[in-house]
Amino acid sequence: MPDAIMYQEDMFVVLMPGVAEEFLTPEELLARLTGLLSDRAASPAENRQPDLPRDLQRFATVAEQAQHLRDTACELELAPGEAMQWFVVRLEK
């Protein structure tokens, strides 16, 4: 059975507070989410691992967390009242 068009991801538009919208490939978005979730990339004050939702805490690695987040959600809280959002877009040629 061919893939349904609704599951085809060409690009994502990413919205962050105070920043112009950005278009990222699925791989670029995955890298961005991995960096945001990583303990090493954040200062101790910005460490997100202890405050992750339960559905992300069940994954053993940050890479698995980022993959699940990209594929099943469209928002990550960066700070109280500030969130990164992403949406699938299809670009016509």
Protein backbone atom coordinates (compact mmCIF):
# COMPACT_ATOMS: atom_id res chain seq x y z
CA MET A 1 0.00 0.00 0.00
CA PRO A 2 1.51 3.40 -0.93
CA ASP A 3 2.16 5.95 1.79
CA ALA A 4 -0.69 8.35 2.40
CA ILE A 5 0.19 11.93 1.47
CA MET A 6 -0.55 13.08 5.00
CA TYR A 7 2.48 11.12 6.23
CA GLN A 8 4.90 12.62 3.71
CA GLU A 9 7.07 15.29 5.30
CA ASP A 10 8.76 17.65 2.88
CA MET A 11 9.68 20.44 5.27
CA PHE A 12 8.73 21.85 8.63
CA VAL A 13 8.06 25.49 9.43
CA VAL A 14 9.51 26.25 12.86
CA LEU A 15 8.24 29.09 15.03
CA MET A 16 10.21 30.36 18.02
CA PRO A 17 9.52 33.42 20.19
CA GLY A 18 11.26 36.53 18.88
CA VAL A 19 12.68 34.79 15.80
CA ALA A 20 11.52 34.80 12.19
CA GLU A 21 9.91 31.59 10.94
CA GLU A 22 12.37 29.01 9.65
CA PHE A 23 11.98 26.14 7.19
CA LEU A 24 13.81 22.95 8.18
CA THR A 25 14.07 19.48 6.67
CA PRO A 26 12.95 16.59 8.88
CA GLU A 27 16.63 15.85 9.60
CA GLU A 28 17.38 19.47 10.52
CA LEU A 29 14.40 19.60 12.88
CA LEU A 30 15.50 16.34 14.47
CA ALA A 31 18.98 17.81 15.04
CA ARG A 32 17.49 20.99 16.55
CA LEU A 33 15.26 19.00 18.92
CA THR A 34 18.15 16.72 19.87
CA GLY A 35 20.23 19.76 20.77
CA LEU A 36 17.45 21.28 22.85
CA LEU A 37 16.84 18.04 24.75
CA SER A 38 20.51 17.23 25.29
CA ASP A 39 22.04 17.71 28.75
CA ARG A 40 25.37 18.66 27.17
CA ALA A 41 23.94 21.46 25.02
CA ALA A 42 22.12 23.24 27.82
CA SER A 43 23.45 25.02 30.86
CA PRO A 44 22.44 23.47 34.19
CA ALA A 45 19.66 26.06 34.50
CA GLU A 46 18.29 25.04 31.08
CA ASN A 47 18.52 21.26 31.54
CA ARG A 48 15.18 19.94 30.28
CA GLN A 49 15.63 16.25 31.10
CA PRO A 50 14.20 16.32 34.66
CA ASP A 51 11.09 18.21 33.50
CA LEU A 52 10.22 16.20 30.39
CA PRO A 53 6.69 14.85 29.98
CA ARG A 54 6.28 11.17 30.89
CA ASP A 55 5.87 10.09 27.27
CA LEU A 56 9.44 11.33 26.58
CA GLN A 57 10.98 10.09 29.83
CA ARG A 58 10.37 6.50 28.82
CA PHE A 59 12.98 6.70 26.03
CA ALA A 60 16.56 5.74 26.89
CA THR A 61 18.32 8.23 24.62
CA VAL A 62 17.93 11.88 23.65
CA ALA A 63 17.87 10.81 19.99
CA GLU A 64 14.84 8.60 20.64
CA GLN A 65 13.16 11.40 22.59
CA ALA A 66 13.72 13.88 19.75
CA GLN A 67 12.45 11.42 17.13
CA HIS A 68 9.28 10.74 19.13
CA LEU A 69 8.73 14.44 19.77
CA ARG A 70 9.17 15.35 16.08
CA ASP A 71 6.85 12.56 14.94
CA THR A 72 4.05 12.92 17.51
CA ALA A 73 3.97 16.52 18.74
CA CYS A 74 4.23 20.06 17.42
CA GLU A 75 5.44 22.01 20.45
CA LEU A 76 8.22 22.06 23.04
CA GLU A 77 8.10 24.43 25.99
CA LEU A 78 11.37 26.38 26.16
CA ALA A 79 10.51 28.49 29.22
CA PRO A 80 7.28 29.32 31.04
CA GLY A 81 5.03 30.96 28.45
CA GLU A 82 7.50 30.40 25.57
CA ALA A 83 7.37 27.46 23.20
CA MET A 84 8.96 26.24 20.00
CA GLN A 85 6.34 25.04 17.50
CA TRP A 86 6.72 23.13 14.24
CA PHE A 87 4.31 22.15 11.49
CA VAL A 88 4.66 20.01 8.38
CA VAL A 89 4.52 21.95 5.12
CA ARG A 90 4.65 20.78 1.54
CA LEU A 91 6.49 23.01 -0.89
CA GLU A 92 5.33 23.01 -4.49
CA LYS A 93 7.93 23.20 -7.22
